[in-house]
Amino acid sequence: MATWKDTEERPLTEENLVALLNNEIPAIRIKGFATLEECESFSAAAKSGNIKYYSVQRKIGYIGQAQYEYRWNPDKSQYFKAVEAANLDLRQVIDRTFDPVSRLIEKLTAVYPKPVAIASEPGLGEYYAGIIRLASQGVDLHVDFAPLNTLDYAISRIDAQLGWNFFAEDPGSGGLTTVYNNPWNPERKEGEIPQSYGLDKSLTEGVPAFTYAPTAGDVVIFNTRNPHEISAGADGAVKDRVSIGSFVGRMPDQSLVLWA
């Protein structure tokens, strides 16, 4: 894959979106994606929603459903049943505020010449897109790339993967995301899925890095095939790190699809 031209974030344009998909730039920021009032209403709605927690050392609250949790499951219908319940949980939040996923699709569609839509599985329906996270304790070093993270789902056909996050509330200090320009290419045995969370720090050594702050009201997009991690919020911070986001993959026909 290409290397970054520099370590500067860019605005959303067609040229920059394609460059990010091709790993030529570190990130895109959509400033002012939401108003202060929208941020406050979204954060309040999220905190009163059906919050669950990942089984990892650092406490990460979330609303929604990750396809990754079903990566080993040969019966895809079980995932799509879970999607129905997750969509209900998401609807309970966005009905009280606004829909960041739909707004993000609109903004991508405005600059990208090919279709942009939520990913779908033939005969089974749409994926879930839009996981809300409360991650003030940080997230360990990991990567996300569907061709290696999953076996027999339509999203495994993508050739590039981005992640976007809208930040409704930020801790003010800390909660930083650092992305390392070292696209993940592990050894893979047929029928196996390599470990992608809690990765060895050697992947971050001697490579360009880009760190961004989760500024409330903004969306940041980066290439998730690069190893990335999130630092904890500063001690004593009175606000949380509240976000919603999903992945964006480029399919063989160059269309973009979203899932979480």
Protein backbone atom coordinates (compact mmCIF):
# COMPACT_ATOMS: atom_id res chain seq x y z
CA MET A 1 0.00 0.00 0.00
CA ALA A 2 1.02 3.61 -0.52
CA THR A 3 2.63 5.60 2.26
CA TRP A 4 1.31 8.89 3.61
CA LYS A 5 2.29 12.07 1.79
CA ASP A 6 2.49 13.82 5.17
CA THR A 7 0.84 13.67 8.59
CA GLU A 8 -1.76 16.41 8.08
CA GLU A 9 -5.54 15.83 8.25
CA ARG A 10 -7.60 17.01 5.28
CA PRO A 11 -11.16 18.25 4.63
CA LEU A 12 -13.71 15.99 2.94
CA THR A 13 -13.39 16.09 -0.86
CA GLU A 14 -13.53 13.35 -3.50
CA GLU A 15 -9.76 13.57 -4.00
CA ASN A 16 -9.05 13.30 -0.29
CA LEU A 17 -11.54 10.47 0.22
CA VAL A 18 -9.89 8.40 -2.52
CA ALA A 19 -6.45 9.24 -1.12
CA LEU A 20 -7.54 8.05 2.32
CA LEU A 21 -8.91 4.81 0.89
CA ASN A 22 -5.53 4.34 -0.79
CA ASN A 23 -3.69 5.17 2.47
CA GLU A 24 -1.98 8.23 0.99
CA ILE A 25 -3.09 10.59 3.78
CA PRO A 26 -3.65 9.96 7.51
CA ALA A 27 -7.13 11.37 8.11
CA ILE A 28 -10.08 13.51 7.04
CA ARG A 29 -11.89 15.78 9.47
CA ILE A 30 -15.41 17.11 8.87
CA LYS A 31 -15.53 20.15 11.11
CA GLY A 32 -18.87 21.30 12.44
CA PHE A 33 -20.64 18.07 11.50
CA ALA A 34 -23.16 18.81 14.25
CA THR A 35 -24.17 21.83 16.30
CA LEU A 36 -23.54 22.24 20.01
CA GLU A 37 -27.21 21.57 20.68
CA GLU A 38 -27.10 18.38 18.61
CA CYS A 39 -23.98 17.22 20.45
CA GLU A 40 -25.61 17.78 23.83
CA SER A 41 -28.84 16.03 22.88
CA PHE A 42 -26.99 13.09 21.32
CA SER A 43 -24.74 12.62 24.35
CA ALA A 44 -27.69 12.74 26.75
CA ALA A 45 -29.68 10.28 24.65
CA ALA A 46 -26.73 7.90 24.36
CA LYS A 47 -26.07 7.87 28.11
CA SER A 48 -29.67 6.91 28.79
CA GLY A 49 -29.69 4.16 26.13
CA ASN A 50 -29.20 0.39 26.36
CA ILE A 51 -25.47 0.42 27.12
CA LYS A 52 -23.54 -2.86 27.11
CA TYR A 53 -19.84 -3.49 27.74
CA TYR A 54 -17.10 -5.29 25.83
CA SER A 55 -15.24 -8.11 27.56
CA VAL A 56 -11.87 -6.35 27.43
CA GLN A 57 -9.68 -5.03 30.23
CA ARG A 58 -10.47 -1.37 29.65
CA LYS A 59 -14.14 -0.60 30.21
CA ILE A 60 -15.82 0.28 26.90
CA GLY A 61 -19.54 0.92 26.87
CA TYR A 62 -21.44 0.59 23.62
CA ILE A 63 -24.87 0.59 22.02
CA GLY A 64 -25.35 -1.46 18.85
CA GLN A 65 -23.89 -4.60 17.36
CA ALA A 66 -20.47 -5.41 15.87
CA GLN A 67 -20.29 -7.88 12.99
CA TYR A 68 -16.85 -8.83 14.30
CA GLU A 69 -18.50 -10.63 17.22
CA TYR A 70 -20.03 -13.04 14.68
CA ARG A 71 -16.86 -13.53 12.64
CA TRP A 72 -16.69 -17.28 13.39
CA ASN A 73 -20.39 -17.95 13.03
CA PRO A 74 -21.23 -19.88 9.83
CA ASP A 75 -24.96 -19.22 10.33
CA LYS A 76 -25.12 -15.61 9.17
CA SER A 77 -28.81 -15.38 10.02
CA GLN A 78 -27.91 -15.17 13.72
CA TYR A 79 -25.99 -11.96 13.09
CA PHE A 80 -28.84 -10.42 11.11
CA LYS A 81 -31.29 -11.29 13.89
CA ALA A 82 -28.99 -9.40 16.26
CA VAL A 83 -29.03 -6.49 13.81
CA GLU A 84 -32.79 -6.11 14.31
CA ALA A 85 -32.40 -5.71 18.08
CA ALA A 86 -29.43 -3.37 17.68
CA ASN A 87 -31.38 -1.14 15.30
CA LEU A 88 -34.13 -0.82 17.90
CA ASP A 89 -31.56 0.26 20.52
CA LEU A 90 -30.10 2.81 18.09
CA ARG A 91 -33.54 4.10 17.16
CA GLN A 92 -34.28 4.80 20.83
CA VAL A 93 -31.29 7.15 20.83
CA ILE A 94 -31.61 8.92 17.49
CA ASP A 95 -35.35 9.47 17.91
CA ARG A 96 -34.39 11.83 20.75
CA THR A 97 -31.70 13.71 18.81
CA PHE A 98 -30.51 13.29 15.17
CA ASP A 99 -29.15 10.52 12.93
CA PRO A 100 -25.38 10.86 12.42
CA VAL A 101 -25.22 7.77 10.16
CA SER A 102 -27.68 9.19 7.62
CA ARG A 103 -25.93 12.55 7.74
CA LEU A 104 -22.54 10.93 7.14
CA ILE A 105 -23.90 9.01 4.14
CA GLU A 106 -25.28 12.26 2.72
CA LYS A 107 -21.92 13.99 3.08
CA LEU A 108 -20.02 11.12 1.43
CA THR A 109 -22.58 10.92 -1.37
CA ALA A 110 -22.13 14.64 -2.04
CA VAL A 111 -18.44 14.17 -2.93
CA TYR A 112 -18.12 10.56 -4.12
CA PRO A 113 -19.22 9.56 -7.66
CA LYS A 114 -20.26 5.98 -6.84
CA PRO A 115 -23.11 4.76 -4.59
CA VAL A 116 -22.76 5.03 -0.81
CA ALA A 117 -25.06 2.87 1.33
CA ILE A 118 -25.27 0.57 4.32
CA ALA A 119 -23.76 -2.83 3.46
CA SER A 120 -26.13 -5.69 2.71
CA GLU A 121 -25.85 -9.47 2.58
CA PRO A 122 -27.66 -11.24 -0.29
CA GLY A 123 -30.86 -12.83 0.99
CA LEU A 124 -30.37 -11.61 4.57
CA GLY A 125 -30.60 -7.83 4.55
CA GLU A 126 -28.64 -4.84 5.76
CA TYR A 127 -25.78 -4.88 8.22
CA TYR A 128 -25.84 -2.81 11.38
CA ALA A 129 -24.07 0.55 10.99
CA GLY A 130 -23.51 3.01 13.81
CA ILE A 131 -22.04 1.81 17.10
CA ILE A 132 -22.26 4.32 19.94
CA ARG A 133 -19.29 4.11 22.28
CA LEU A 134 -18.40 5.53 25.68
CA ALA A 135 -14.66 4.87 25.81
CA SER A 136 -13.15 7.23 28.36
CA GLN A 137 -10.68 4.56 29.59
CA GLY A 138 -9.11 4.17 26.14
CA VAL A 139 -8.83 1.34 23.62
CA ASP A 140 -5.82 -0.95 23.11
CA LEU A 141 -3.80 -1.22 19.88
CA HIS A 142 -5.82 -2.98 17.18
CA VAL A 143 -6.68 -3.04 13.48
CA ASP A 144 -9.91 -3.44 11.51
CA PHE A 145 -9.89 -4.90 7.99
CA ALA A 146 -12.80 -7.10 6.95
CA PRO A 147 -10.93 -9.33 4.44
CA LEU A 148 -8.83 -10.53 7.39
CA ASN A 149 -11.34 -10.00 10.25
CA THR A 150 -14.13 -12.15 8.82
CA LEU A 151 -14.47 -15.23 6.65
CA ASP A 152 -17.67 -15.57 4.61
CA TYR A 153 -19.49 -12.25 4.58
CA ALA A 154 -20.00 -9.84 1.67
CA ILE A 155 -17.83 -7.20 3.39
CA SER A 156 -14.82 -9.51 3.06
CA ARG A 157 -14.72 -8.47 -0.62
CA ILE A 158 -13.65 -4.88 0.09
CA ASP A 159 -10.17 -3.67 -0.87
CA ALA A 160 -9.95 -0.71 1.53
CA GLN A 161 -11.53 0.12 4.88
CA LEU A 162 -12.05 3.37 6.71
CA GLY A 163 -13.50 4.13 10.10
CA TRP A 164 -15.44 7.30 10.92
CA ASN A 165 -16.47 8.65 14.29
CA PHE A 166 -18.71 11.55 15.19
CA PHE A 167 -17.82 12.94 18.61
CA ALA A 168 -20.74 14.27 20.62
CA GLU A 169 -18.73 14.80 23.80
CA ASP A 170 -15.00 14.85 24.47
CA PRO A 171 -13.08 14.68 27.76
CA GLY A 172 -11.28 17.94 27.03
CA SER A 173 -7.89 16.34 27.63
CA GLY A 174 -6.75 12.86 26.65
CA GLY A 175 -8.93 10.44 24.71
CA LEU A 176 -6.58 10.83 21.75
CA THR A 177 -6.50 8.42 18.81
CA THR A 178 -3.10 7.55 17.36
CA VAL A 179 -2.87 5.89 13.95
CA TYR A 180 0.35 4.20 12.80
CA ASN A 181 1.15 4.02 9.09
CA ASN A 182 1.87 0.29 8.97
CA PRO A 183 -0.98 -1.43 7.07
CA TRP A 184 -1.77 -4.79 8.65
CA ASN A 185 -0.65 -7.76 6.59
CA PRO A 186 -0.30 -10.73 8.96
CA GLU A 187 0.40 -14.30 7.98
CA ARG A 188 -2.90 -16.06 7.49
CA LYS A 189 -3.74 -19.72 7.32
CA GLU A 190 -6.75 -20.91 5.36
CA GLY A 191 -9.90 -20.82 7.47
CA GLU A 192 -8.29 -18.85 10.29
CA ILE A 193 -8.78 -15.28 11.49
CA PRO A 194 -5.63 -13.64 12.89
CA GLN A 195 -5.68 -11.86 16.24
CA SER A 196 -6.36 -8.18 15.64
CA TYR A 197 -6.84 -6.70 19.14
CA GLY A 198 -4.18 -6.07 21.76
CA LEU A 199 -1.48 -6.11 19.12
CA ASP A 200 2.25 -6.07 19.77
CA LYS A 201 3.76 -2.59 20.07
CA SER A 202 6.45 -3.57 17.57
CA LEU A 203 3.93 -2.67 14.86
CA THR A 204 4.25 0.98 15.89
CA GLU A 205 8.03 1.24 15.88
CA GLY A 206 9.78 3.36 13.28
CA VAL A 207 6.67 4.24 11.29
CA PRO A 208 4.88 7.58 10.79
CA ALA A 209 2.16 8.26 13.35
CA PHE A 210 -0.80 10.61 13.40
CA THR A 211 -2.68 11.63 16.56
CA TYR A 212 -6.01 13.42 16.63
CA ALA A 213 -8.23 14.87 19.32
CA PRO A 214 -11.92 13.87 19.53
CA THR A 215 -13.31 17.38 19.25
CA ALA A 216 -17.04 17.49 19.99
CA GLY A 217 -19.06 18.32 16.87
CA ASP A 218 -16.53 16.91 14.41
CA VAL A 219 -16.22 13.68 12.43
CA VAL A 220 -12.78 12.14 11.87
CA ILE A 221 -12.17 9.41 9.28
CA PHE A 222 -9.02 7.28 8.97
CA ASN A 223 -7.83 4.05 7.35
CA THR A 224 -8.45 1.28 9.89
CA ARG A 225 -6.07 -1.21 8.28
CA ASN A 226 -3.39 0.81 10.07
CA PRO A 227 -2.83 -0.11 13.74
CA HIS A 228 -4.52 2.41 16.03
CA GLU A 229 -5.17 2.98 19.73
CA ILE A 230 -7.01 5.43 21.97
CA SER A 231 -5.57 6.94 25.12
CA ALA A 232 -7.62 7.33 28.28
CA GLY A 233 -9.22 10.62 29.18
CA ALA A 234 -7.30 12.74 31.64
CA ASP A 235 -7.82 12.02 35.34
CA GLY A 236 -10.55 14.18 36.75
CA ALA A 237 -12.16 14.91 33.39
CA VAL A 238 -15.78 15.92 33.90
CA LYS A 239 -16.91 14.83 30.43
CA ASP A 240 -16.90 11.47 28.66
CA ARG A 241 -15.70 10.42 25.22
CA VAL A 242 -19.05 9.81 23.52
CA SER A 243 -19.03 8.87 19.86
CA ILE A 244 -20.87 7.02 17.12
CA GLY A 245 -19.26 5.53 14.05
CA SER A 246 -18.91 2.67 11.62
CA PHE A 247 -16.65 1.32 8.94
CA VAL A 248 -16.69 2.33 5.27
CA GLY A 249 -15.44 -0.23 2.78
CA ARG A 250 -14.73 0.04 -0.95
CA MET A 251 -16.31 -2.78 -2.91
CA PRO A 252 -15.00 -4.19 -6.23
CA ASP A 253 -17.40 -1.92 -8.18
CA GLN A 254 -15.93 1.10 -6.28
CA SER A 255 -19.16 1.70 -4.34
CA LEU A 256 -18.83 2.43 -0.62
CA VAL A 257 -20.64 0.37 2.02
CA LEU A 258 -21.07 0.98 5.74
CA TRP A 259 -21.22 -1.48 8.63
CA ALA A 260 -20.11 -1.68 12.24
